[in-house]
């Protein structure tokens, strides 16, 4: 496999929708060990989010105290996902609320932060991406529901991301399973 391709596993984060992100630490440690012996480079351990009134498992928050209790193999990088809507709707606004969730990367087990956003949100999260980058994190922007975006809208998003120079990785998600091979090919052509 090309050294330029990095494999990211998001089983714990995405699978958490089925069990409220409530995985035992023992299971997570076994899982991380298996991932370290595979071709996986990065494990997205879960979300990084604000605690609310509902009770969710540790992978819904993936805070540093939780990550420090895990046996993370040195061969793995750790990623977390943040929902842009949580930051944008926070009473402090996105630029201040991100500072509640993250500290300097040298004090963190997290290597990569992926911001999940919709087409209406991407301009509002670029300053967040800039702040995370300045703190030493790799930054990914995950554009959701790409099947709902016109080619012109996608080009606008990509140009702004490129101009900002703070996003390390651009992801797109087939959030509703509407993409087929042709649509994926067309999107990749636009991105390229």
C-alpha atoms as a PDB file:
ATOM      1  CA  UNK A   1       0.000   0.000   0.000  1.00  0.00           C
ATOM      2  CA  UNK A   2       1.218   3.504  -0.769  1.00  0.00           C
ATOM      3  CA  UNK A   3       2.881   5.324   2.096  1.00  0.00           C
ATOM      4  CA  UNK A   4       0.759   8.354   1.142  1.00  0.00           C
ATOM      5  CA  UNK A   5      -2.435   6.514   2.036  1.00  0.00           C
ATOM      6  CA  UNK A   6      -3.388   6.536   5.708  1.00  0.00           C
ATOM      7  CA  UNK A   7      -6.042   4.156   6.977  1.00  0.00           C
ATOM      8  CA  UNK A   8      -8.439   5.587   9.544  1.00  0.00           C
ATOM      9  CA  UNK A   9     -10.774   3.291  11.461  1.00  0.00           C
ATOM     10  CA  UNK A  10     -13.891   4.903  12.925  1.00  0.00           C
ATOM     11  CA  UNK A  11     -15.640   1.777  14.237  1.00  0.00           C
ATOM     12  CA  UNK A  12     -15.842   3.001  17.845  1.00  0.00           C
ATOM     13  CA  UNK A  13     -17.072   6.472  16.939  1.00  0.00           C
ATOM     14  CA  UNK A  14     -19.525   5.410  14.236  1.00  0.00           C
ATOM     15  CA  UNK A  15     -20.526   2.181  15.955  1.00  0.00           C
ATOM     16  CA  UNK A  16     -21.354   4.142  19.079  1.00  0.00           C
ATOM     17  CA  UNK A  17     -24.685   5.152  17.576  1.00  0.00           C
ATOM     18  CA  UNK A  18     -25.821   1.601  18.365  1.00  0.00           C
ATOM     19  CA  UNK A  19     -24.762   1.431  22.021  1.00  0.00           C
ATOM     20  CA  UNK A  20     -24.678   5.094  23.072  1.00  0.00           C
ATOM     21  CA  UNK A  21     -20.842   5.092  22.833  1.00  0.00           C
ATOM     22  CA  UNK A  22     -20.720   2.869  25.884  1.00  0.00           C
ATOM     23  CA  UNK A  23     -17.802   0.497  25.215  1.00  0.00           C
ATOM     24  CA  UNK A  24     -15.901  -0.995  28.132  1.00  0.00           C
ATOM     25  CA  UNK A  25     -12.292   0.117  28.528  1.00  0.00           C
ATOM     26  CA  UNK A  26     -11.260  -3.536  28.382  1.00  0.00           C
ATOM     27  CA  UNK A  27     -12.920  -3.931  24.967  1.00  0.00           C
ATOM     28  CA  UNK A  28     -11.384  -0.675  23.719  1.00  0.00           C
ATOM     29  CA  UNK A  29      -7.913  -1.750  24.824  1.00  0.00           C
ATOM     30  CA  UNK A  30      -8.286  -5.105  23.066  1.00  0.00           C
ATOM     31  CA  UNK A  31      -9.558  -3.296  19.987  1.00  0.00           C
ATOM     32  CA  UNK A  32      -6.626  -0.873  19.965  1.00  0.00           C
ATOM     33  CA  UNK A  33      -4.230  -3.809  20.240  1.00  0.00           C
ATOM     34  CA  UNK A  34      -5.836  -5.487  17.220  1.00  0.00           C
ATOM     35  CA  UNK A  35      -5.714  -2.228  15.257  1.00  0.00           C
ATOM     36  CA  UNK A  36      -2.011  -1.808  16.050  1.00  0.00           C
ATOM     37  CA  UNK A  37      -1.344  -5.218  14.479  1.00  0.00           C
ATOM     38  CA  UNK A  38      -3.226  -4.346  11.293  1.00  0.00           C
ATOM     39  CA  UNK A  39      -2.696  -1.801   8.531  1.00  0.00           C
ATOM     40  CA  UNK A  40      -4.667   0.839  10.430  1.00  0.00           C
ATOM     41  CA  UNK A  41      -2.755   4.074  11.071  1.00  0.00           C
ATOM     42  CA  UNK A  42      -5.365   6.097  12.947  1.00  0.00           C
ATOM     43  CA  UNK A  43      -8.206   5.062  15.245  1.00  0.00           C
ATOM     44  CA  UNK A  44     -11.028   7.520  15.731  1.00  0.00           C
ATOM     45  CA  UNK A  45     -11.786   6.685  19.330  1.00  0.00           C
ATOM     46  CA  UNK A  46     -15.028   8.656  19.453  1.00  0.00           C
ATOM     47  CA  UNK A  47     -16.454  12.124  19.572  1.00  0.00           C
ATOM     48  CA  UNK A  48     -15.108  15.027  21.584  1.00  0.00           C
ATOM     49  CA  UNK A  49     -18.233  16.772  22.789  1.00  0.00           C
ATOM     50  CA  UNK A  50     -19.767  18.680  25.655  1.00  0.00           C
ATOM     51  CA  UNK A  51     -21.399  16.686  28.411  1.00  0.00           C
ATOM     52  CA  UNK A  52     -25.136  17.183  28.573  1.00  0.00           C
ATOM     53  CA  UNK A  53     -28.043  15.884  30.613  1.00  0.00           C
ATOM     54  CA  UNK A  54     -28.215  12.548  28.797  1.00  0.00           C
ATOM     55  CA  UNK A  55     -25.956   9.717  29.866  1.00  0.00           C
ATOM     56  CA  UNK A  56     -23.591   8.438  27.194  1.00  0.00           C
ATOM     57  CA  UNK A  57     -20.502   6.281  27.240  1.00  0.00           C
ATOM     58  CA  UNK A  58     -16.957   7.630  27.364  1.00  0.00           C
ATOM     59  CA  UNK A  59     -16.469   7.429  23.572  1.00  0.00           C
ATOM     60  CA  UNK A  60     -19.112  10.162  23.189  1.00  0.00           C
ATOM     61  CA  UNK A  61     -16.747  12.588  24.927  1.00  0.00           C
ATOM     62  CA  UNK A  62     -13.261  11.071  24.577  1.00  0.00           C
ATOM     63  CA  UNK A  63     -11.805  13.495  27.087  1.00  0.00           C
ATOM     64  CA  UNK A  64      -8.181  13.352  28.164  1.00  0.00           C
ATOM     65  CA  UNK A  65      -8.849  11.604  31.480  1.00  0.00           C
ATOM     66  CA  UNK A  66     -10.538   8.761  29.589  1.00  0.00           C
ATOM     67  CA  UNK A  67      -7.797   8.593  26.942  1.00  0.00           C
ATOM     68  CA  UNK A  68      -5.092   8.544  29.628  1.00  0.00           C
ATOM     69  CA  UNK A  69      -6.630   5.373  31.103  1.00  0.00           C
ATOM     70  CA  UNK A  70      -6.371   3.507  27.790  1.00  0.00           C
ATOM     71  CA  UNK A  71      -3.423   1.409  26.604  1.00  0.00           C
ATOM     72  CA  UNK A  72      -2.815   3.174  23.300  1.00  0.00           C
ATOM     73  CA  UNK A  73      -0.111   1.451  21.249  1.00  0.00           C
ATOM     74  CA  UNK A  74       2.641   3.791  20.092  1.00  0.00           C
ATOM     75  CA  UNK A  75       2.070   2.701  16.477  1.00  0.00           C
ATOM     76  CA  UNK A  76      -1.423   4.220  16.424  1.00  0.00           C
ATOM     77  CA  UNK A  77      -2.509   7.809  16.079  1.00  0.00           C
ATOM     78  CA  UNK A  78      -5.717   8.776  17.835  1.00  0.00           C
ATOM     79  CA  UNK A  79      -8.460  10.864  16.263  1.00  0.00           C
ATOM     80  CA  UNK A  80     -11.661  12.359  17.596  1.00  0.00           C
ATOM     81  CA  UNK A  81     -14.588  13.871  15.755  1.00  0.00           C
ATOM     82  CA  UNK A  82     -16.290  17.123  16.695  1.00  0.00           C
ATOM     83  CA  UNK A  83     -19.689  18.130  15.354  1.00  0.00           C
ATOM     84  CA  UNK A  84     -19.478  21.674  14.027  1.00  0.00           C
ATOM     85  CA  UNK A  85     -23.089  22.276  15.045  1.00  0.00           C
ATOM     86  CA  UNK A  86     -22.172  21.714  18.734  1.00  0.00           C
ATOM     87  CA  UNK A  87     -19.525  24.434  18.552  1.00  0.00           C
ATOM     88  CA  UNK A  88     -21.587  26.866  16.482  1.00  0.00           C
ATOM     89  CA  UNK A  89     -24.644  26.574  18.751  1.00  0.00           C
ATOM     90  CA  UNK A  90     -22.634  26.802  21.994  1.00  0.00           C
ATOM     91  CA  UNK A  91     -23.393  29.903  24.085  1.00  0.00           C
ATOM     92  CA  UNK A  92     -19.753  31.005  23.849  1.00  0.00           C
ATOM     93  CA  UNK A  93     -19.658  30.587  20.084  1.00  0.00           C
ATOM     94  CA  UNK A  94     -17.339  28.341  18.083  1.00  0.00           C
ATOM     95  CA  UNK A  95     -14.068  30.212  18.643  1.00  0.00           C
ATOM     96  CA  UNK A  96     -14.315  30.053  22.436  1.00  0.00           C
ATOM     97  CA  UNK A  97     -16.136  26.733  22.854  1.00  0.00           C
ATOM     98  CA  UNK A  98     -13.356  24.840  21.037  1.00  0.00           C
ATOM     99  CA  UNK A  99     -10.971  25.998  23.774  1.00  0.00           C
ATOM    100  CA  UNK A 100     -13.097  24.185  26.359  1.00  0.00           C
ATOM    101  CA  UNK A 101     -12.745  20.876  24.512  1.00  0.00           C
ATOM    102  CA  UNK A 102      -9.049  20.978  23.588  1.00  0.00           C
ATOM    103  CA  UNK A 103      -5.756  22.018  25.089  1.00  0.00           C
ATOM    104  CA  UNK A 104      -2.343  22.139  23.450  1.00  0.00           C
ATOM    105  CA  UNK A 105      -1.645  18.912  21.532  1.00  0.00           C
ATOM    106  CA  UNK A 106       1.554  18.242  23.490  1.00  0.00           C
ATOM    107  CA  UNK A 107      -0.706  17.588  26.521  1.00  0.00           C
ATOM    108  CA  UNK A 108      -3.124  15.397  24.590  1.00  0.00           C
ATOM    109  CA  UNK A 109      -3.380  11.818  23.331  1.00  0.00           C
ATOM    110  CA  UNK A 110      -5.250  13.158  20.283  1.00  0.00           C
ATOM    111  CA  UNK A 111      -3.314  13.564  17.049  1.00  0.00           C
ATOM    112  CA  UNK A 112      -6.112  14.310  14.560  1.00  0.00           C
ATOM    113  CA  UNK A 113      -9.311  16.291  15.064  1.00  0.00           C
ATOM    114  CA  UNK A 114     -11.984  15.810  12.437  1.00  0.00           C
ATOM    115  CA  UNK A 115     -14.635  18.510  12.248  1.00  0.00           C
ATOM    116  CA  UNK A 116     -17.910  17.209  10.817  1.00  0.00           C
ATOM    117  CA  UNK A 117     -19.882  19.970   9.141  1.00  0.00           C
ATOM    118  CA  UNK A 118     -22.634  20.646   6.651  1.00  0.00           C
ATOM    119  CA  UNK A 119     -22.240  22.960   3.674  1.00  0.00           C
ATOM    120  CA  UNK A 120     -23.806  25.851   5.634  1.00  0.00           C
ATOM    121  CA  UNK A 121     -21.259  25.489   8.440  1.00  0.00           C
ATOM    122  CA  UNK A 122     -17.859  25.185   6.780  1.00  0.00           C
ATOM    123  CA  UNK A 123     -17.100  28.932   6.720  1.00  0.00           C
ATOM    124  CA  UNK A 124     -17.878  29.155  10.443  1.00  0.00           C
ATOM    125  CA  UNK A 125     -15.438  26.372  11.348  1.00  0.00           C
ATOM    126  CA  UNK A 126     -12.331  27.548   9.492  1.00  0.00           C
ATOM    127  CA  UNK A 127     -11.286  29.686  12.465  1.00  0.00           C
ATOM    128  CA  UNK A 128     -11.675  26.558  14.636  1.00  0.00           C
ATOM    129  CA  UNK A 129      -9.460  24.638  12.225  1.00  0.00           C
ATOM    130  CA  UNK A 130      -6.905  27.441  12.420  1.00  0.00           C
ATOM    131  CA  UNK A 131      -6.915  27.386  16.239  1.00  0.00           C
ATOM    132  CA  UNK A 132      -6.550  23.580  16.367  1.00  0.00           C
ATOM    133  CA  UNK A 133      -3.700  23.733  13.871  1.00  0.00           C
ATOM    134  CA  UNK A 134      -1.948  26.410  15.941  1.00  0.00           C
ATOM    135  CA  UNK A 135      -2.173  24.057  18.939  1.00  0.00           C
ATOM    136  CA  UNK A 136      -0.365  21.303  17.024  1.00  0.00           C
ATOM    137  CA  UNK A 137      -3.239  19.087  15.917  1.00  0.00           C
ATOM    138  CA  UNK A 138      -3.706  17.626  12.476  1.00  0.00           C
ATOM    139  CA  UNK A 139      -7.049  18.942  11.267  1.00  0.00           C
ATOM    140  CA  UNK A 140      -9.578  17.210   9.066  1.00  0.00           C
ATOM    141  CA  UNK A 141     -12.753  18.692   7.672  1.00  0.00           C
ATOM    142  CA  UNK A 142     -15.491  16.129   7.078  1.00  0.00           C
ATOM    143  CA  UNK A 143     -18.142  17.541   4.729  1.00  0.00           C
ATOM    144  CA  UNK A 144     -21.348  15.646   5.417  1.00  0.00           C
ATOM    145  CA  UNK A 145     -24.254  14.993   3.065  1.00  0.00           C
ATOM    146  CA  UNK A 146     -22.131  15.608  -0.006  1.00  0.00           C
ATOM    147  CA  UNK A 147     -24.903  14.163  -2.173  1.00  0.00           C
ATOM    148  CA  UNK A 148     -26.910  17.329  -1.370  1.00  0.00           C
ATOM    149  CA  UNK A 149     -24.177  19.678  -2.609  1.00  0.00           C
ATOM    150  CA  UNK A 150     -24.025  21.003  -6.165  1.00  0.00           C
ATOM    151  CA  UNK A 151     -20.706  20.969  -8.033  1.00  0.00           C
ATOM    152  CA  UNK A 152     -20.517  24.781  -7.781  1.00  0.00           C
ATOM    153  CA  UNK A 153     -21.109  24.674  -4.013  1.00  0.00           C
ATOM    154  CA  UNK A 154     -18.402  22.028  -3.636  1.00  0.00           C
ATOM    155  CA  UNK A 155     -15.942  24.100  -5.660  1.00  0.00           C
ATOM    156  CA  UNK A 156     -16.674  27.110  -3.438  1.00  0.00           C
ATOM    157  CA  UNK A 157     -16.048  25.021  -0.297  1.00  0.00           C
ATOM    158  CA  UNK A 158     -12.810  23.580  -1.687  1.00  0.00           C
ATOM    159  CA  UNK A 159     -11.450  26.966  -2.767  1.00  0.00           C
ATOM    160  CA  UNK A 160     -12.087  28.448   0.662  1.00  0.00           C
ATOM    161  CA  UNK A 161     -10.476  25.461   2.387  1.00  0.00           C
ATOM    162  CA  UNK A 162      -7.461  25.679   0.079  1.00  0.00           C
ATOM    163  CA  UNK A 163      -7.133  29.419   0.648  1.00  0.00           C
ATOM    164  CA  UNK A 164      -7.347  28.999   4.436  1.00  0.00           C
ATOM    165  CA  UNK A 165      -4.355  26.625   4.453  1.00  0.00           C
ATOM    166  CA  UNK A 166      -5.335  25.182   7.877  1.00  0.00           C
ATOM    167  CA  UNK A 167      -7.074  21.950   6.870  1.00  0.00           C
ATOM    168  CA  UNK A 168      -4.701  18.987   6.531  1.00  0.00           C
ATOM    169  CA  UNK A 169      -7.246  16.464   5.278  1.00  0.00           C
ATOM    170  CA  UNK A 170     -10.556  16.885   3.482  1.00  0.00           C
ATOM    171  CA  UNK A 171     -13.102  14.097   3.884  1.00  0.00           C
ATOM    172  CA  UNK A 172     -16.547  13.708   2.435  1.00  0.00           C
ATOM    173  CA  UNK A 173     -19.266  11.472   3.738  1.00  0.00           C
ATOM    174  CA  UNK A 174     -22.091   9.618   2.052  1.00  0.00           C
ATOM    175  CA  UNK A 175     -24.283  10.321   5.055  1.00  0.00           C
ATOM    176  CA  UNK A 176     -27.443   8.759   3.652  1.00  0.00           C
ATOM    177  CA  UNK A 177     -26.042   6.084   1.331  1.00  0.00           C
ATOM    178  CA  UNK A 178     -27.088   7.972  -1.813  1.00  0.00           C
ATOM    179  CA  UNK A 179     -23.797   7.903  -3.691  1.00  0.00           C
ATOM    180  CA  UNK A 180     -23.039   5.462  -6.457  1.00  0.00           C
ATOM    181  CA  UNK A 181     -19.767   4.860  -8.304  1.00  0.00           C
ATOM    182  CA  UNK A 182     -20.430   7.591 -10.876  1.00  0.00           C
ATOM    183  CA  UNK A 183     -21.286  10.204  -8.240  1.00  0.00           C
ATOM    184  CA  UNK A 184     -18.153   9.366  -6.233  1.00  0.00           C
ATOM    185  CA  UNK A 185     -16.047   9.581  -9.393  1.00  0.00           C
ATOM    186  CA  UNK A 186     -17.588  12.984 -10.276  1.00  0.00           C
ATOM    187  CA  UNK A 187     -16.951  14.322  -6.755  1.00  0.00           C
ATOM    188  CA  UNK A 188     -13.350  13.099  -6.831  1.00  0.00           C
ATOM    189  CA  UNK A 189     -12.817  14.818 -10.189  1.00  0.00           C
ATOM    190  CA  UNK A 190     -14.051  18.111  -8.736  1.00  0.00           C
ATOM    191  CA  UNK A 191     -11.812  17.708  -5.687  1.00  0.00           C
ATOM    192  CA  UNK A 192      -8.807  16.850  -7.837  1.00  0.00           C
END
